[in-house]
Amino acid sequence: MSEGQSDSEEPRKLVLPPKAGRKLAFFGAPLLLVAGLVAGYGHYTDPGPLQDAKTFVIPHGNNARVTKALQDDGILSPTWASGTFFRIAAFLTHRDGQIHAAELQFPSRVSVAHVLEILRHGKPVSHQVTVPEGLTALKITAILDKAPALSGDLPALAEGTVFPQTVSYVWGTSRQALVEKLQKMMATKLAVAWDGRNVEALDGLIQSPQELLVLASLIERETAVPSERPMVARVFLNRLKLGMRLQTDPSVIYGLSNGAGTLDAPLTHEDLQTPGPYNTYLQVGLPPGPICSPGQSSLDAAAHPADGKMLYFVATGSGGHNFAETLADQDKNIRAYRAHLTATPQNPD
């Protein structure tokens, strides 16, 4: 305390001249704003915390829910500041597009800017499911029930209504929608086959698209060799014309297995004598319905059978079949098949 200064006198404060304060505010505020923008943009484009690329399902909901999901899955930093910054960034860039609920692929170390780009314009992850040719409705149902990323329950499938195909879909697609797509394909393929059929060859034997579908399903299950299918069709048509029983094992198996299409053991003589609508060793004519979903090749073969008088066929033992017009030739082919089995070493179970 200097001499002459009273005890009650307070120390003087440094007061800037009015013009100096205005200059500081004029130049300082923009500098602080620029610094903030630079820092924010850096955080906007800096690499994020995600260590490895991953697929993630973006949920339906507002930005807060999406932000929390991204943080919980490690795509964004879990801190409050990071979440707040992301929501602000999403708001400020909302004109760039809407955030979509979808299954999306995120690269490792993805930045906030890239996350928003993916959320708005990223291509959803594509899944595929294959329905092979010749499967029954029960087996098709099992495949679609297990297919990932589909939603909802599967409606009961009528036999032969689903076209065998590999189908692409995205997360959240309903099983019903996917099945309806395959059923529409089968209806279209069957209509085209029926409209383009060889009318003369089928006249009086196959009288509706449904009967063509039944015939195609028998052909599908009898041979996996496409070039043989028109010949198998001809055998069945010749037998129908003569009033002979079709005697096709796959139809018998379908009936005995209650629609599964396979048995745990080979057919026996007793099986062939078991009454049932699908036992074509006892019933004359086509079975009451298809026994599987036939593919395009079998539909074409049913609509355009080969020429010939063949009434019989039997496996060769090497993947194909021998065809015969007479029972004597069929017996000869059967003996050849049995000889082939005897000469071929069997793999132990």
Protein backbone atom coordinates (compact mmCIF):
# COMPACT_ATOMS: atom_id res chain seq x y z
CA MET A 1 0.00 0.00 0.00
CA SER A 2 1.46 3.35 -1.01
CA GLU A 3 1.53 6.30 1.27
CA GLY A 4 -1.66 8.33 1.28
CA GLN A 5 -3.85 5.39 0.03
CA SER A 6 -6.79 4.67 2.30
CA ASP A 7 -7.47 1.20 3.60
CA SER A 8 -10.87 1.14 1.90
CA GLU A 9 -9.55 1.98 -1.53
CA GLU A 10 -9.78 -1.07 -3.92
CA PRO A 11 -6.97 -1.92 -6.37
CA ARG A 12 -7.54 -0.52 -9.81
CA LYS A 13 -8.55 -2.90 -12.64
CA LEU A 14 -6.98 -2.83 -16.06
CA VAL A 15 -9.56 -1.41 -18.43
CA LEU A 16 -8.94 -1.54 -22.16
CA PRO A 17 -9.84 1.42 -24.21
CA PRO A 18 -13.22 1.02 -25.89
CA LYS A 19 -11.72 0.73 -29.34
CA ALA A 20 -9.30 -2.03 -28.27
CA GLY A 21 -12.14 -4.17 -26.90
CA ARG A 22 -14.11 -3.79 -30.07
CA LYS A 23 -11.08 -4.75 -32.15
CA LEU A 24 -10.51 -7.87 -30.05
CA ALA A 25 -14.12 -8.92 -30.44
CA PHE A 26 -14.07 -8.13 -34.14
CA PHE A 27 -10.98 -10.21 -34.90
CA GLY A 28 -11.20 -12.84 -32.14
CA ALA A 29 -14.73 -14.13 -32.70
CA PRO A 30 -14.15 -15.13 -36.32
CA LEU A 31 -10.88 -16.78 -35.34
CA LEU A 32 -12.66 -18.83 -32.67
CA LEU A 33 -15.38 -19.75 -35.18
CA VAL A 34 -12.84 -20.84 -37.77
CA ALA A 35 -10.97 -22.85 -35.16
CA GLY A 36 -14.21 -24.54 -34.15
CA LEU A 37 -15.12 -25.32 -37.74
CA VAL A 38 -11.67 -26.75 -38.43
CA ALA A 39 -11.84 -28.93 -35.33
CA GLY A 40 -15.37 -30.05 -36.17
CA TYR A 41 -14.51 -30.85 -39.78
CA GLY A 42 -11.51 -32.80 -38.59
CA HIS A 43 -13.71 -34.91 -36.35
CA TYR A 44 -16.18 -35.23 -39.25
CA THR A 45 -13.58 -36.74 -41.57
CA ASP A 46 -11.19 -38.40 -39.09
CA PRO A 47 -10.98 -42.22 -39.09
CA GLY A 48 -13.49 -43.77 -36.71
CA PRO A 49 -13.08 -46.50 -34.08
CA LEU A 50 -14.30 -49.49 -36.14
CA GLN A 51 -11.40 -51.96 -36.27
CA ASP A 52 -12.67 -54.33 -38.97
CA ALA A 53 -15.19 -54.02 -41.80
CA LYS A 54 -18.60 -55.28 -40.78
CA THR A 55 -22.20 -55.63 -41.87
CA PHE A 56 -24.72 -53.86 -39.67
CA VAL A 57 -28.51 -53.59 -39.70
CA ILE A 58 -29.65 -49.99 -39.29
CA PRO A 59 -32.88 -50.01 -37.25
CA HIS A 60 -36.01 -48.03 -37.98
CA GLY A 61 -36.30 -44.94 -35.81
CA ASN A 62 -35.08 -41.39 -35.27
CA ASN A 63 -31.49 -40.16 -35.35
CA ALA A 64 -31.03 -40.74 -31.64
CA ARG A 65 -31.88 -44.43 -31.97
CA VAL A 66 -29.66 -44.83 -35.04
CA THR A 67 -26.81 -43.06 -33.26
CA LYS A 68 -27.06 -45.32 -30.21
CA ALA A 69 -27.12 -48.43 -32.42
CA LEU A 70 -24.00 -47.28 -34.28
CA GLN A 71 -22.23 -46.57 -30.99
CA ASP A 72 -23.27 -49.90 -29.46
CA ASP A 73 -21.83 -51.72 -32.48
CA GLY A 74 -18.53 -49.84 -32.42
CA ILE A 75 -19.02 -47.90 -35.64
CA LEU A 76 -19.08 -44.62 -33.71
CA SER A 77 -17.20 -43.75 -30.52
CA PRO A 78 -19.35 -44.52 -27.45
CA THR A 79 -18.78 -41.10 -25.84
CA TRP A 80 -21.56 -38.57 -25.31
CA ALA A 81 -19.62 -35.96 -27.27
CA SER A 82 -19.25 -38.27 -30.27
CA GLY A 83 -22.94 -39.15 -30.29
CA THR A 84 -23.95 -35.51 -30.00
CA PHE A 85 -21.57 -34.50 -32.78
CA PHE A 86 -22.99 -37.24 -35.05
CA ARG A 87 -26.57 -36.12 -34.48
CA ILE A 88 -25.62 -32.49 -35.17
CA ALA A 89 -23.76 -33.51 -38.32
CA ALA A 90 -26.75 -35.56 -39.48
CA PHE A 91 -29.03 -32.57 -38.89
CA LEU A 92 -26.79 -30.06 -40.63
CA THR A 93 -26.43 -32.34 -43.69
CA HIS A 94 -30.05 -33.52 -43.80
CA ARG A 95 -30.49 -32.13 -47.30
CA ASP A 96 -28.02 -34.75 -48.56
CA GLY A 97 -30.69 -37.42 -48.15
CA GLN A 98 -32.73 -39.49 -45.76
CA ILE A 99 -31.16 -42.08 -43.48
CA HIS A 100 -32.44 -45.53 -44.43
CA ALA A 101 -33.12 -48.58 -42.29
CA ALA A 102 -31.23 -51.37 -44.07
CA GLU A 103 -28.43 -53.88 -43.78
CA LEU A 104 -25.29 -52.03 -44.85
CA GLN A 105 -21.58 -52.72 -45.13
CA PHE A 106 -19.20 -50.41 -43.24
CA PRO A 107 -15.42 -50.39 -43.91
CA SER A 108 -12.91 -50.33 -41.09
CA ARG A 109 -12.07 -46.95 -39.56
CA VAL A 110 -15.08 -45.40 -41.29
CA SER A 111 -15.42 -41.66 -40.59
CA VAL A 112 -18.57 -39.81 -39.55
CA ALA A 113 -18.79 -38.31 -43.03
CA HIS A 114 -18.56 -41.74 -44.65
CA VAL A 115 -21.04 -43.25 -42.18
CA LEU A 116 -23.61 -40.64 -43.18
CA GLU A 117 -22.89 -41.24 -46.87
CA ILE A 118 -23.45 -45.00 -46.41
CA LEU A 119 -26.62 -44.46 -44.37
CA ARG A 120 -28.08 -42.27 -47.09
CA HIS A 121 -26.80 -43.75 -50.32
CA GLY A 122 -25.24 -47.12 -49.51
CA LYS A 123 -26.40 -50.21 -51.39
CA PRO A 124 -28.07 -52.73 -49.06
CA VAL A 125 -26.31 -56.07 -48.58
CA SER A 126 -27.69 -58.67 -51.00
CA HIS A 127 -28.54 -62.20 -49.85
CA GLN A 128 -29.34 -65.20 -51.99
CA VAL A 129 -31.33 -68.36 -51.50
CA THR A 130 -31.46 -71.27 -53.96
CA VAL A 131 -34.45 -73.53 -54.45
CA PRO A 132 -33.05 -76.51 -56.42
CA GLU A 133 -35.04 -78.30 -59.08
CA GLY A 134 -37.04 -81.33 -58.05
CA LEU A 135 -37.62 -80.51 -54.38
CA THR A 136 -40.92 -81.11 -52.64
CA ALA A 137 -42.89 -78.34 -50.94
CA LEU A 138 -41.79 -79.67 -47.55
CA LYS A 139 -38.11 -79.39 -48.43
CA ILE A 140 -38.55 -75.97 -50.02
CA THR A 141 -40.25 -74.81 -46.83
CA ALA A 142 -37.28 -76.02 -44.78
CA ILE A 143 -34.84 -74.09 -46.99
CA LEU A 144 -36.79 -70.85 -46.79
CA ASP A 145 -37.36 -71.19 -43.05
CA LYS A 146 -33.59 -71.31 -42.53
CA ALA A 147 -32.68 -68.58 -45.03
CA PRO A 148 -31.06 -65.64 -43.18
CA ALA A 149 -32.35 -62.07 -43.09
CA LEU A 150 -35.91 -62.98 -44.13
CA SER A 151 -38.83 -61.95 -41.96
CA GLY A 152 -42.21 -63.41 -41.09
CA ASP A 153 -43.68 -66.87 -41.32
CA LEU A 154 -43.95 -68.93 -44.47
CA PRO A 155 -47.44 -69.73 -45.75
CA ALA A 156 -48.30 -73.35 -46.52
CA LEU A 157 -46.98 -74.24 -49.97
CA ALA A 158 -49.00 -76.17 -52.51
CA GLU A 159 -46.89 -78.81 -54.23
CA GLY A 160 -45.30 -77.77 -57.50
CA THR A 161 -46.20 -74.08 -57.28
CA VAL A 162 -42.70 -72.74 -56.54
CA PHE A 163 -40.32 -72.32 -59.45
CA PRO A 164 -36.78 -73.59 -58.74
CA GLN A 165 -34.50 -70.59 -58.84
CA THR A 166 -31.78 -68.63 -57.09
CA VAL A 167 -33.33 -65.46 -55.74
CA SER A 168 -31.62 -62.32 -54.42
CA TYR A 169 -33.18 -60.36 -51.59
CA VAL A 170 -32.32 -57.82 -48.91
CA TRP A 171 -32.63 -57.89 -45.14
CA GLY A 172 -36.22 -57.67 -43.94
CA THR A 173 -37.83 -59.17 -47.06
CA SER A 174 -40.81 -61.25 -45.98
CA ARG A 175 -40.85 -64.95 -46.67
CA GLN A 176 -44.33 -64.61 -48.07
CA ALA A 177 -43.21 -61.96 -50.58
CA LEU A 178 -40.29 -64.13 -51.70
CA VAL A 179 -42.53 -67.19 -52.11
CA GLU A 180 -45.11 -65.19 -54.04
CA LYS A 181 -42.34 -64.09 -56.41
CA LEU A 182 -41.34 -67.73 -57.05
CA GLN A 183 -44.97 -68.79 -57.41
CA LYS A 184 -45.58 -66.06 -59.95
CA MET A 185 -42.55 -67.26 -61.87
CA MET A 186 -43.88 -70.84 -61.91
CA ALA A 187 -47.31 -69.68 -63.07
CA THR A 188 -45.69 -67.70 -65.90
CA LYS A 189 -43.33 -70.52 -66.95
CA LEU A 190 -46.16 -73.06 -66.90
CA ALA A 191 -48.44 -70.81 -68.96
CA VAL A 192 -45.71 -70.29 -71.56
CA ALA A 193 -45.02 -74.04 -71.73
CA TRP A 194 -48.72 -74.81 -72.08
CA ASP A 195 -49.31 -72.19 -74.77
CA GLY A 196 -46.29 -73.40 -76.76
CA ARG A 197 -46.92 -77.15 -76.28
CA ASN A 198 -46.93 -79.73 -79.04
CA VAL A 199 -50.71 -80.04 -79.25
CA GLU A 200 -50.63 -83.11 -81.46
CA ALA A 201 -48.30 -85.00 -79.12
CA LEU A 202 -50.38 -84.23 -76.02
CA ASP A 203 -53.84 -84.40 -77.57
CA GLY A 204 -56.24 -86.39 -75.42
CA LEU A 205 -53.52 -87.25 -72.90
CA ILE A 206 -52.56 -84.00 -71.17
CA GLN A 207 -55.57 -81.75 -71.09
CA SER A 208 -54.70 -78.85 -68.79
CA PRO A 209 -51.72 -76.85 -67.52
CA GLN A 210 -52.05 -78.63 -64.16
CA GLU A 211 -51.70 -82.03 -65.83
CA LEU A 212 -48.67 -80.73 -67.71
CA LEU A 213 -47.18 -79.69 -64.35
CA VAL A 214 -47.82 -83.18 -62.92
CA LEU A 215 -46.13 -84.81 -65.91
CA ALA A 216 -43.17 -82.43 -65.67
CA SER A 217 -42.74 -83.26 -61.97
CA LEU A 218 -42.56 -86.99 -62.76
CA ILE A 219 -39.98 -86.32 -65.47
CA GLU A 220 -37.96 -84.14 -63.08
CA ARG A 221 -37.73 -86.88 -60.47
CA GLU A 222 -37.00 -89.68 -62.95
CA THR A 223 -33.85 -88.27 -64.51
CA ALA A 224 -31.30 -85.56 -63.86
CA VAL A 225 -30.05 -85.74 -67.47
CA PRO A 226 -31.72 -82.94 -69.45
CA SER A 227 -31.29 -84.68 -72.81
CA GLU A 228 -33.24 -87.70 -71.53
CA ARG A 229 -36.25 -85.79 -70.31
CA PRO A 230 -38.14 -85.59 -73.64
CA MET A 231 -37.68 -89.38 -73.94
CA VAL A 232 -39.03 -89.97 -70.43
CA ALA A 233 -41.99 -87.77 -71.37
CA ARG A 234 -42.58 -89.91 -74.43
CA VAL A 235 -42.56 -93.13 -72.37
CA PHE A 236 -45.18 -91.75 -69.99
CA LEU A 237 -47.36 -90.46 -72.83
CA ASN A 238 -47.17 -93.76 -74.70
CA ARG A 239 -48.22 -95.59 -71.53
CA LEU A 240 -51.11 -93.20 -70.93
CA LYS A 241 -52.27 -93.70 -74.51
CA LEU A 242 -52.27 -97.47 -74.11
CA GLY A 243 -53.89 -97.38 -70.67
CA MET A 244 -50.77 -98.81 -69.02
CA ARG A 245 -49.83 -97.94 -65.46
CA LEU A 246 -46.96 -95.44 -65.34
CA GLN A 247 -45.05 -97.48 -62.71
CA THR A 248 -42.85 -94.57 -61.69
CA ASP A 249 -41.00 -95.08 -58.41
CA PRO A 250 -40.69 -91.39 -57.42
CA SER A 251 -44.47 -91.06 -57.29
CA VAL A 252 -44.74 -94.10 -55.01
CA ILE A 253 -42.00 -92.69 -52.78
CA TYR A 254 -43.80 -89.34 -52.60
CA GLY A 255 -46.94 -91.02 -51.33
CA LEU A 256 -45.17 -93.31 -48.85
CA SER A 257 -43.11 -90.42 -47.45
CA ASN A 258 -46.15 -88.18 -46.97
CA GLY A 259 -44.79 -85.61 -49.36
CA ALA A 260 -41.14 -85.63 -48.25
CA GLY A 261 -40.02 -87.23 -51.51
CA THR A 262 -37.39 -89.51 -49.99
CA LEU A 263 -37.31 -92.68 -47.93
CA ASP A 264 -34.73 -93.97 -45.47
CA ALA A 265 -34.49 -97.28 -47.34
CA PRO A 266 -34.90 -98.52 -50.92
CA LEU A 267 -38.36 -99.34 -52.20
CA THR A 268 -39.49 -102.89 -51.58
CA HIS A 269 -41.95 -105.13 -53.39
CA GLU A 270 -44.27 -104.65 -50.45
CA ASP A 271 -44.06 -100.87 -50.88
CA LEU A 272 -45.14 -101.20 -54.50
CA GLN A 273 -48.24 -103.09 -53.36
CA THR A 274 -49.24 -100.49 -50.77
CA PRO A 275 -52.45 -98.77 -51.90
CA GLY A 276 -52.43 -95.02 -52.29
CA PRO A 277 -53.31 -92.29 -54.79
CA TYR A 278 -49.66 -91.82 -55.74
CA ASN A 279 -48.94 -95.53 -56.25
CA THR A 280 -48.65 -95.59 -60.03
CA TYR A 281 -48.03 -99.34 -59.92
CA LEU A 282 -51.64 -99.77 -58.82
CA GLN A 283 -53.36 -96.63 -60.17
CA VAL A 284 -53.89 -95.96 -63.86
CA GLY A 285 -53.16 -92.47 -65.19
CA LEU A 286 -51.34 -89.53 -63.71
CA PRO A 287 -51.10 -89.15 -59.93
CA PRO A 288 -53.52 -86.60 -58.43
CA GLY A 289 -50.95 -83.82 -58.21
CA PRO A 290 -47.32 -82.91 -58.82
CA ILE A 291 -44.68 -84.62 -56.70
CA CYS A 292 -42.11 -81.80 -56.75
CA SER A 293 -41.30 -78.43 -58.29
CA PRO A 294 -39.99 -79.15 -61.79
CA GLY A 295 -37.48 -76.91 -63.53
CA GLN A 296 -37.60 -75.34 -66.97
CA SER A 297 -36.05 -78.35 -68.70
CA SER A 298 -38.73 -80.71 -67.42
CA LEU A 299 -41.54 -78.29 -68.29
CA ASP A 300 -40.14 -78.05 -71.82
CA ALA A 301 -39.83 -81.84 -72.07
CA ALA A 302 -43.44 -82.35 -70.97
CA ALA A 303 -44.64 -79.83 -73.53
CA HIS A 304 -42.39 -81.17 -76.31
CA PRO A 305 -41.85 -84.92 -75.88
CA ALA A 306 -39.52 -86.91 -78.10
CA ASP A 307 -40.84 -89.09 -80.90
CA GLY A 308 -40.81 -92.86 -80.55
CA LYS A 309 -42.61 -95.93 -79.30
CA MET A 310 -40.65 -96.38 -76.08
CA LEU A 311 -42.58 -97.86 -73.18
CA TYR A 312 -39.81 -98.65 -70.72
CA PHE A 313 -36.59 -97.27 -69.29
CA VAL A 314 -34.14 -98.39 -66.65
CA ALA A 315 -30.99 -96.90 -65.18
CA THR A 316 -27.68 -97.75 -66.78
CA GLY A 317 -25.85 -97.49 -63.48
CA SER A 318 -23.61 -94.73 -64.80
CA GLY A 319 -25.97 -91.77 -64.57
CA GLY A 320 -28.32 -92.27 -67.51
CA HIS A 321 -31.05 -94.61 -68.72
CA ASN A 322 -31.62 -97.20 -71.42
CA PHE A 323 -34.97 -96.99 -73.23
CA ALA A 324 -36.90 -99.87 -74.77
CA GLU A 325 -40.00 -100.42 -76.88
CA THR A 326 -40.59 -104.02 -75.83
CA LEU A 327 -40.61 -105.87 -72.53
CA ALA A 328 -37.97 -108.25 -73.88
CA ASP A 329 -35.59 -105.35 -74.54
CA GLN A 330 -36.42 -103.92 -71.12
CA ASP A 331 -35.51 -107.22 -69.45
CA LYS A 332 -32.23 -107.20 -71.36
CA ASN A 333 -31.51 -103.68 -70.12
CA ILE A 334 -32.34 -104.68 -66.56
CA ARG A 335 -29.88 -107.56 -66.75
CA ALA A 336 -27.23 -105.18 -68.06
CA TYR A 337 -27.92 -102.82 -65.17
CA ARG A 338 -27.59 -105.60 -62.61
CA ALA A 339 -24.38 -106.80 -64.23
CA HIS A 340 -22.99 -103.29 -64.02
CA LEU A 341 -23.81 -103.13 -60.31
CA THR A 342 -22.14 -106.49 -59.73
CA ALA A 343 -18.99 -105.44 -61.59
CA THR A 344 -18.76 -102.07 -59.87
CA PRO A 345 -17.13 -102.04 -56.43
CA GLN A 346 -19.55 -100.67 -53.85
CA ASN A 347 -18.36 -98.03 -51.41
CA PRO A 348 -18.69 -99.16 -47.81
CA ASP A 349 -21.02 -97.11 -45.61
